[in-house]
Amino acid sequence: MKPVSIDDYRQLAQRRLPHFLFEYIDGGAVSESTLRRNVSDLQDIAVRQRVLRDVSTIDTSSSLLGQQSRLPLVLAPIGLAGMAARRGEVQAARAAEAFGVPFCLSTVSACPIDEVSNGTKSPFWFQMYMIRDRAFMADLLVSARQAKCPALVFTIDMPVPGTRYRDHRSGLAGSPGLGGAMRRAFQAAQHPRWAFDVGLMGGPHVLGNVVPVLKGRTGLEDFFAWMSANFDPTVTWADLEWVRKSWDGPLVVKGILDAEDAIQAFKMGADGIVVSNHGGRQLDGASSTAKVIASVREAVGPQATVLADGGVRSGLDVLRMLALGASGVQIGRPWVYALAGRGQAGVAHILQLFEAEIRVAMALCGVTSIRAVTRDLLA
């Protein structure tokens, strides 16, 4: 049966992906309390039902950093997403391009910048972490400029990797050498469709953008060791200044949860921010996005570009985020679940579902354009 909801796609992804890969996508940090609150706090937001208004014409279009978008929606950067389907980031980028919403490629994607650029016609956003090796970062920025990426999303909430116990239990992390490889291979063999489509036909199985610094070491344990050694705990606001000087296009700072940090990001030259707790994958116990976005919006003013992610599982959730103060919304797990379930067609379908749900929610709330979605929508 064709999936008809995001929950259906999650279940389909769980059936089709090896256990270690599904757990990586689905899981969060420590006890996953923030991951759960991202969803529950957002769904607890009540909206006003309004009646007897002409809602025969609904306009869902938006402008994000000067780029017109069919929905106020961005496909968020997800590490290893390309392992969910054969050359997965290319498939997802094509789906976003055809639908008319931005796609953001992760630094730690399976498909490198040039492969996604060659596989699409429209430029995509690029996400980058602060890495100790500034020369490597400079090379990435050159690649992003050559691909004509219209925006750089700079993630700042990962000076050290979060504690993700699911990855250790599944064998993705903490299982080095032949034993770990055999454990993952056994899990892959239990999912023959994935084993053929991705495992056999979907190579190369490397993280394309970081291949130059891994120096031939391509195992998952090599990547996690590199990540632990190279994510930079010394990073400060001065490093954001370096990024700002090195990138002449729109710069979005991702990982803001505090109003004071939001103000500082704009002072340092950011063109936008993403209110985010990394999908509950970093600091377990951090506030949900839904709880803090209003205070961040109040601090930075009505004209600032404030994107948000975390817990968005429906078009109604998108409307809730907008009413709380977001300029636009990033979705992560929903598009990866869909990619794992049905490839490019799944990502296209999930975008159609979001659009349909946004339209229905807008109509029942009595608003006909995204610009009309304000705090007045909240009950």
Protein backbone atom coordinates (compact mmCIF):
# COMPACT_ATOMS: atom_id res chain seq x y z
CA MET A 1 0.00 0.00 0.00
CA LYS A 2 1.27 3.46 -0.86
CA PRO A 3 2.18 5.47 2.26
CA VAL A 4 -0.33 8.20 3.01
CA SER A 5 1.34 9.90 5.98
CA ILE A 6 4.76 10.65 7.43
CA ASP A 7 4.22 7.91 10.03
CA ASP A 8 3.68 5.44 7.17
CA TYR A 9 6.98 6.48 5.61
CA ARG A 10 8.77 6.07 8.95
CA GLN A 11 7.45 2.51 9.25
CA LEU A 12 8.43 1.78 5.65
CA ALA A 13 11.93 3.13 6.26
CA GLN A 14 12.27 0.93 9.33
CA ARG A 15 11.37 -2.13 7.27
CA ARG A 16 13.68 -1.31 4.38
CA LEU A 17 16.83 0.06 6.03
CA PRO A 18 19.48 -1.91 7.90
CA HIS A 19 18.97 -1.52 11.63
CA PHE A 20 22.11 0.60 12.18
CA LEU A 21 21.09 3.09 9.48
CA PHE A 22 17.48 3.46 10.59
CA GLU A 23 18.57 3.96 14.20
CA TYR A 24 21.01 6.68 13.10
CA ILE A 25 18.27 8.56 11.25
CA ASP A 26 15.55 8.02 13.84
CA GLY A 27 17.47 8.44 17.07
CA GLY A 28 18.55 11.27 19.35
CA ALA A 29 20.92 11.93 22.22
CA VAL A 30 21.03 10.07 25.57
CA SER A 31 17.44 9.41 26.73
CA GLU A 32 15.97 11.31 23.73
CA SER A 33 13.84 13.58 25.90
CA THR A 34 14.48 16.62 23.70
CA LEU A 35 13.71 14.61 20.57
CA ARG A 36 10.32 13.65 22.03
CA ARG A 37 9.57 17.18 23.30
CA ASN A 38 10.30 18.63 19.88
CA VAL A 39 7.30 16.68 18.62
CA SER A 40 4.98 16.85 21.62
CA ASP A 41 5.51 20.54 22.47
CA LEU A 42 4.81 21.53 18.88
CA GLN A 43 1.71 19.38 18.66
CA ASP A 44 0.44 20.87 21.92
CA ILE A 45 0.23 24.30 20.25
CA ALA A 46 -3.44 25.04 19.65
CA VAL A 47 -4.54 27.15 16.70
CA ARG A 48 -7.70 29.17 16.17
CA GLN A 49 -10.38 27.75 13.95
CA ARG A 50 -12.03 30.60 12.02
CA VAL A 51 -15.17 30.29 9.91
CA LEU A 52 -17.18 32.04 7.20
CA ARG A 53 -14.16 33.42 5.41
CA ASP A 54 -13.50 33.10 1.69
CA VAL A 55 -10.69 30.55 1.50
CA SER A 56 -11.28 29.49 -2.09
CA THR A 57 -7.78 30.71 -3.07
CA ILE A 58 -4.82 29.66 -0.94
CA ASP A 59 -1.30 30.98 -1.58
CA THR A 60 1.42 28.85 0.06
CA SER A 61 4.36 30.52 -1.67
CA SER A 62 7.14 32.16 0.26
CA SER A 63 10.49 33.89 -0.19
CA LEU A 64 13.45 32.52 1.77
CA LEU A 65 16.68 34.52 1.59
CA GLY A 66 15.49 36.06 -1.66
CA GLN A 67 14.67 32.67 -3.22
CA GLN A 68 11.08 32.03 -4.23
CA SER A 69 9.70 28.80 -2.81
CA ARG A 70 6.44 26.96 -3.41
CA LEU A 71 6.20 26.36 0.34
CA PRO A 72 7.89 28.02 3.34
CA LEU A 73 9.92 24.82 3.57
CA VAL A 74 13.54 23.67 3.17
CA LEU A 75 14.84 20.12 3.05
CA ALA A 76 17.29 20.27 5.95
CA PRO A 77 20.87 18.96 5.77
CA ILE A 78 21.09 15.36 7.02
CA GLY A 79 24.38 13.50 7.40
CA LEU A 80 24.59 10.07 5.73
CA ALA A 81 21.19 10.67 4.09
CA GLY A 82 22.56 9.43 0.80
CA MET A 83 22.83 5.93 2.27
CA ALA A 84 19.04 5.72 2.59
CA ALA A 85 18.70 5.18 -1.17
CA ARG A 86 21.03 4.87 -4.15
CA ARG A 87 22.90 8.22 -4.44
CA GLY A 88 20.22 9.51 -2.13
CA GLU A 89 21.08 13.20 -1.89
CA VAL A 90 20.90 13.54 -5.66
CA GLN A 91 17.44 11.97 -5.65
CA ALA A 92 16.25 14.25 -2.85
CA ALA A 93 17.70 17.36 -4.48
CA ARG A 94 15.93 16.49 -7.74
CA ALA A 95 12.63 16.06 -5.93
CA ALA A 96 13.02 19.43 -4.18
CA GLU A 97 14.02 21.08 -7.43
CA ALA A 98 11.02 19.71 -9.32
CA PHE A 99 8.65 20.71 -6.52
CA GLY A 100 10.13 24.18 -6.08
CA VAL A 101 11.60 24.26 -2.56
CA PRO A 102 15.24 24.62 -1.46
CA PHE A 103 17.40 21.61 -0.69
CA CYS A 104 20.37 21.87 1.69
CA LEU A 105 23.28 19.45 1.30
CA SER A 106 25.20 18.33 4.39
CA THR A 107 28.99 18.44 4.65
CA VAL A 108 28.85 14.75 5.64
CA SER A 109 26.67 13.64 2.74
CA ALA A 110 27.32 10.49 0.76
CA CYS A 111 27.17 12.45 -2.49
CA PRO A 112 29.72 15.26 -2.82
CA ILE A 113 28.86 18.81 -3.87
CA ASP A 114 29.89 18.33 -7.50
CA GLU A 115 27.81 15.14 -7.91
CA VAL A 116 24.66 16.85 -6.63
CA SER A 117 25.42 19.90 -8.77
CA ASN A 118 25.87 17.76 -11.88
CA GLY A 119 22.68 15.86 -11.10
CA THR A 120 20.46 18.95 -10.80
CA LYS A 121 19.76 22.14 -12.73
CA SER A 122 19.01 24.49 -9.84
CA PRO A 123 21.56 25.54 -7.21
CA PHE A 124 21.11 24.12 -3.72
CA TRP A 125 22.08 25.35 -0.26
CA PHE A 126 25.16 23.95 1.44
CA GLN A 127 25.71 23.24 5.14
CA MET A 128 29.09 23.35 6.85
CA TYR A 129 30.48 22.63 10.33
CA MET A 130 33.39 24.34 12.00
CA ILE A 131 36.33 21.99 11.47
CA ARG A 132 39.80 22.32 12.96
CA ASP A 133 41.30 22.11 9.49
CA ARG A 134 40.57 25.58 8.13
CA ALA A 135 42.20 24.73 4.79
CA PHE A 136 39.64 21.94 4.36
CA MET A 137 36.86 24.40 5.16
CA ALA A 138 38.23 26.88 2.65
CA ASP A 139 38.27 24.16 -0.02
CA LEU A 140 34.64 23.31 0.77
CA LEU A 141 33.67 26.96 0.38
CA VAL A 142 35.39 27.04 -3.02
CA SER A 143 33.41 23.96 -4.08
CA ALA A 144 30.17 25.54 -2.85
CA ARG A 145 30.90 28.71 -4.80
CA GLN A 146 31.72 26.72 -7.94
CA ALA A 147 28.37 24.94 -7.56
CA LYS A 148 26.73 28.36 -7.24
CA CYS A 149 25.16 27.46 -3.90
CA PRO A 150 22.88 30.44 -3.08
CA ALA A 151 23.22 30.11 0.71
CA LEU A 152 25.64 28.70 3.27
CA VAL A 153 24.17 27.15 6.41
CA PHE A 154 26.79 27.18 9.15
CA THR A 155 25.98 24.74 11.97
CA ILE A 156 27.36 25.87 15.33
CA ASP A 157 25.77 23.52 17.89
CA MET A 158 28.26 20.68 17.42
CA PRO A 159 31.60 21.61 19.01
CA VAL A 160 31.62 17.96 20.11
CA PRO A 161 29.36 15.13 18.88
CA GLY A 162 26.34 14.39 21.06
CA THR A 163 26.04 11.14 23.03
CA ARG A 164 23.85 8.89 20.88
CA TYR A 165 23.42 5.51 22.52
CA ARG A 166 21.31 4.07 19.73
CA ASP A 167 24.31 4.28 17.40
CA HIS A 168 26.41 2.25 19.83
CA ARG A 169 23.72 -0.36 20.37
CA SER A 170 23.13 -0.75 16.63
CA GLY A 171 26.79 -1.17 15.71
CA LEU A 172 27.12 2.06 13.74
CA ALA A 173 29.49 3.63 16.28
CA GLY A 174 31.81 1.98 18.77
CA SER A 175 32.18 -1.17 16.64
CA PRO A 176 35.55 -0.81 14.91
CA GLY A 177 37.38 -3.23 12.68
CA LEU A 178 36.25 -6.46 11.09
CA GLY A 179 33.78 -7.26 13.86
CA GLY A 180 31.87 -4.02 13.37
CA ALA A 181 31.89 -4.38 9.58
CA MET A 182 30.54 -7.94 9.81
CA ARG A 183 27.83 -6.85 12.25
CA ARG A 184 26.65 -4.15 9.85
CA ALA A 185 26.92 -6.50 6.86
CA PHE A 186 24.69 -9.02 8.67
CA GLN A 187 22.08 -6.31 9.25
CA ALA A 188 22.29 -5.26 5.60
CA ALA A 189 21.80 -8.84 4.44
CA GLN A 190 18.49 -8.93 6.28
CA HIS A 191 17.27 -6.15 3.97
CA PRO A 192 17.99 -7.51 0.48
CA ARG A 193 16.29 -4.65 -1.35
CA TRP A 194 18.58 -2.10 0.31
CA ALA A 195 21.57 -4.45 0.03
CA PHE A 196 21.15 -4.59 -3.75
CA ASP A 197 20.03 -1.02 -4.47
CA VAL A 198 22.45 0.77 -2.15
CA GLY A 199 24.95 -1.78 -0.90
CA LEU A 200 25.76 -3.34 -4.29
CA MET A 201 24.71 -0.72 -6.86
CA GLY A 202 24.89 2.53 -4.88
CA GLY A 203 28.63 3.03 -4.47
CA PRO A 204 31.00 4.57 -3.78
CA HIS A 205 30.17 4.17 -0.10
CA VAL A 206 32.11 7.15 1.14
CA LEU A 207 31.28 10.59 2.50
CA GLY A 208 32.11 12.45 -0.67
CA ASN A 209 32.95 15.87 0.73
CA VAL A 210 35.38 14.57 3.36
CA VAL A 211 37.16 11.99 1.18
CA PRO A 212 40.23 14.24 0.74
CA VAL A 213 40.90 14.43 4.49
CA LEU A 214 40.15 10.77 5.25
CA LYS A 215 43.13 9.86 3.02
CA GLY A 216 41.84 6.54 1.79
CA ARG A 217 40.24 5.41 5.07
CA THR A 218 36.62 4.88 4.07
CA GLY A 219 35.10 2.81 6.88
CA LEU A 220 32.38 4.20 9.11
CA GLU A 221 34.72 3.91 12.10
CA ASP A 222 37.23 6.05 10.18
CA PHE A 223 34.62 8.73 9.67
CA PHE A 224 33.53 8.77 13.32
CA ALA A 225 37.15 8.89 14.46
CA TRP A 226 37.81 11.80 12.11
CA MET A 227 34.69 13.59 13.31
CA SER A 228 35.62 13.23 16.97
CA ALA A 229 39.13 14.49 16.28
CA ASN A 230 38.24 17.35 13.95
CA PHE A 231 35.05 18.96 15.23
CA ASP A 232 36.38 22.01 17.00
CA PRO A 233 35.51 22.60 20.69
CA THR A 234 37.56 25.82 20.66
CA VAL A 235 35.17 27.52 18.26
CA THR A 236 34.00 31.03 19.27
CA TRP A 237 32.16 33.94 17.72
CA ALA A 238 35.49 35.01 16.18
CA ASP A 239 35.34 31.89 14.00
CA LEU A 240 31.92 32.93 12.75
CA GLU A 241 33.55 36.19 11.72
CA TRP A 242 36.08 34.17 9.69
CA VAL A 243 33.26 32.32 7.93
CA ARG A 244 31.45 35.59 7.22
CA LYS A 245 34.58 37.07 5.62
CA SER A 246 35.15 33.88 3.61
CA TRP A 247 31.63 33.63 2.19
CA ASP A 248 30.16 36.50 0.19
CA GLY A 249 26.64 35.09 -0.18
CA PRO A 250 23.76 34.71 2.28
CA LEU A 251 24.96 33.13 5.54
CA VAL A 252 22.56 31.26 7.83
CA VAL A 253 23.68 30.27 11.34
CA LYS A 254 22.07 27.02 12.47
CA GLY A 255 21.78 25.78 16.05
CA ILE A 256 20.45 28.82 17.91
CA LEU A 257 18.24 28.21 20.98
CA ASP A 258 18.90 31.35 23.01
CA ALA A 259 17.71 34.89 22.28
CA GLU A 260 21.08 36.42 23.22
CA ASP A 261 22.88 34.08 20.83
CA ALA A 262 20.41 35.00 18.09
CA ILE A 263 21.14 38.70 18.57
CA GLN A 264 24.88 38.04 18.50
CA ALA A 265 24.63 35.99 15.28
CA PHE A 266 23.02 38.88 13.45
CA LYS A 267 25.57 41.30 14.91
CA MET A 268 28.31 39.10 13.43
CA GLY A 269 26.80 39.43 9.96
CA ALA A 270 24.44 36.48 9.64
CA ASP A 271 21.67 36.94 7.09
CA GLY A 272 19.48 34.43 8.89
CA ILE A 273 19.41 31.88 11.67
CA VAL A 274 17.91 28.44 12.24
CA VAL A 275 16.35 27.94 15.67
CA SER A 276 17.32 24.33 16.23
CA ASN A 277 18.51 21.78 18.77
CA HIS A 278 19.90 19.50 16.05
CA GLY A 279 16.75 17.41 16.05
CA GLY A 280 17.37 16.39 19.66
CA ARG A 281 20.67 14.78 18.64
CA GLN A 282 23.07 16.97 20.62
CA LEU A 283 22.15 18.27 24.10
CA ASP A 284 19.48 16.03 25.57
CA GLY A 285 17.47 18.17 27.96
CA ALA A 286 17.66 21.26 25.80
CA SER A 287 14.44 23.17 25.16
CA SER A 288 12.27 22.19 22.26
CA THR A 289 12.23 24.57 19.32
CA ALA A 290 8.55 25.31 19.87
CA LYS A 291 9.28 26.60 23.39
CA VAL A 292 11.95 29.13 22.41
CA ILE A 293 11.19 30.41 18.93
CA ALA A 294 8.80 33.15 20.07
CA SER A 295 11.42 34.65 22.41
CA VAL A 296 14.04 34.50 19.66
CA ARG A 297 11.71 36.27 17.23
CA GLU A 298 10.95 38.97 19.77
CA ALA A 299 14.67 39.52 20.37
CA VAL A 300 15.71 39.90 16.72
CA GLY A 301 12.69 41.78 15.41
CA PRO A 302 10.05 41.17 12.76
CA GLN A 303 12.27 41.62 9.68
CA ALA A 304 14.99 39.07 10.51
CA THR A 305 15.05 35.73 8.67
CA VAL A 306 14.37 33.10 11.34
CA LEU A 307 14.06 29.51 10.18
CA ALA A 308 13.17 26.67 12.54
CA ASP A 309 13.40 22.90 12.69
CA GLY A 310 12.71 20.15 15.19
CA GLY A 311 9.61 18.00 15.55
CA VAL A 312 7.87 19.10 12.35
CA ARG A 313 5.81 16.13 11.20
CA SER A 314 2.91 17.72 9.28
CA GLY A 315 1.78 20.74 7.35
CA LEU A 316 -0.10 21.88 10.44
CA ASP A 317 3.22 21.81 12.32
CA VAL A 318 4.65 24.11 9.65
CA LEU A 319 1.79 26.53 10.25
CA ARG A 320 2.36 26.34 14.01
CA MET A 321 6.05 27.22 13.58
CA LEU A 322 5.18 30.16 11.35
CA ALA A 323 2.62 31.43 13.85
CA LEU A 324 5.21 31.16 16.64
CA GLY A 325 7.55 33.39 14.67
CA ALA A 326 9.42 31.38 12.03
CA SER A 327 10.00 32.80 8.55
CA GLY A 328 10.28 29.27 7.20
CA VAL A 329 10.70 25.69 8.37
CA GLN A 330 13.30 23.00 7.76
CA ILE A 331 12.27 19.34 7.73
CA GLY A 332 14.77 16.53 8.20
CA ARG A 333 13.60 13.08 9.24
CA PRO A 334 10.38 13.20 7.16
CA TRP A 335 12.20 13.53 3.85
CA VAL A 336 14.81 10.90 4.76
CA TYR A 337 12.08 8.43 5.78
CA ALA A 338 10.43 9.06 2.41
CA LEU A 339 13.74 8.71 0.56
CA ALA A 340 14.35 5.35 2.23
CA GLY A 341 10.83 4.20 1.43
CA ARG A 342 10.41 5.24 -2.20
CA GLY A 343 13.45 7.21 -3.34
CA GLN A 344 12.91 10.42 -5.28
CA ALA A 345 9.23 9.62 -5.71
CA GLY A 346 8.87 9.34 -1.95
CA VAL A 347 10.45 12.74 -1.33
CA ALA A 348 8.21 14.26 -4.00
CA HIS A 349 5.19 12.65 -2.34
CA ILE A 350 6.10 13.86 1.14
CA LEU A 351 6.31 17.41 -0.21
CA GLN A 352 2.87 16.98 -1.75
CA LEU A 353 1.55 15.77 1.60
CA PHE A 354 2.99 18.80 3.38
CA GLU A 355 1.49 21.13 0.79
CA ALA A 356 -1.95 19.53 1.06
CA GLU A 357 -1.86 19.66 4.86
CA ILE A 358 -0.73 23.29 4.86
CA ARG A 359 -3.56 24.23 2.50
CA VAL A 360 -6.21 22.51 4.60
CA ALA A 361 -4.85 23.99 7.84
CA MET A 362 -4.73 27.49 6.36
CA ALA A 363 -8.29 27.20 5.08
CA LEU A 364 -9.66 26.00 8.42
CA CYS A 365 -7.77 28.76 10.22
CA GLY A 366 -9.23 31.32 7.83
CA VAL A 367 -5.97 32.56 6.26
CA THR A 368 -5.26 32.59 2.55
CA SER A 369 -1.56 33.46 2.31
CA ILE A 370 1.60 32.59 4.22
CA ARG A 371 2.12 36.31 4.89
CA ALA A 372 -1.15 36.31 6.84
CA VAL A 373 0.09 33.65 9.28
CA THR A 374 0.88 35.54 12.49
CA ARG A 375 0.62 35.01 16.25
CA ASP A 376 -3.08 35.83 15.88
CA LEU A 377 -3.41 32.29 14.55
CA LEU A 378 -2.58 30.83 17.97
CA ALA A 379 -5.39 29.97 20.34
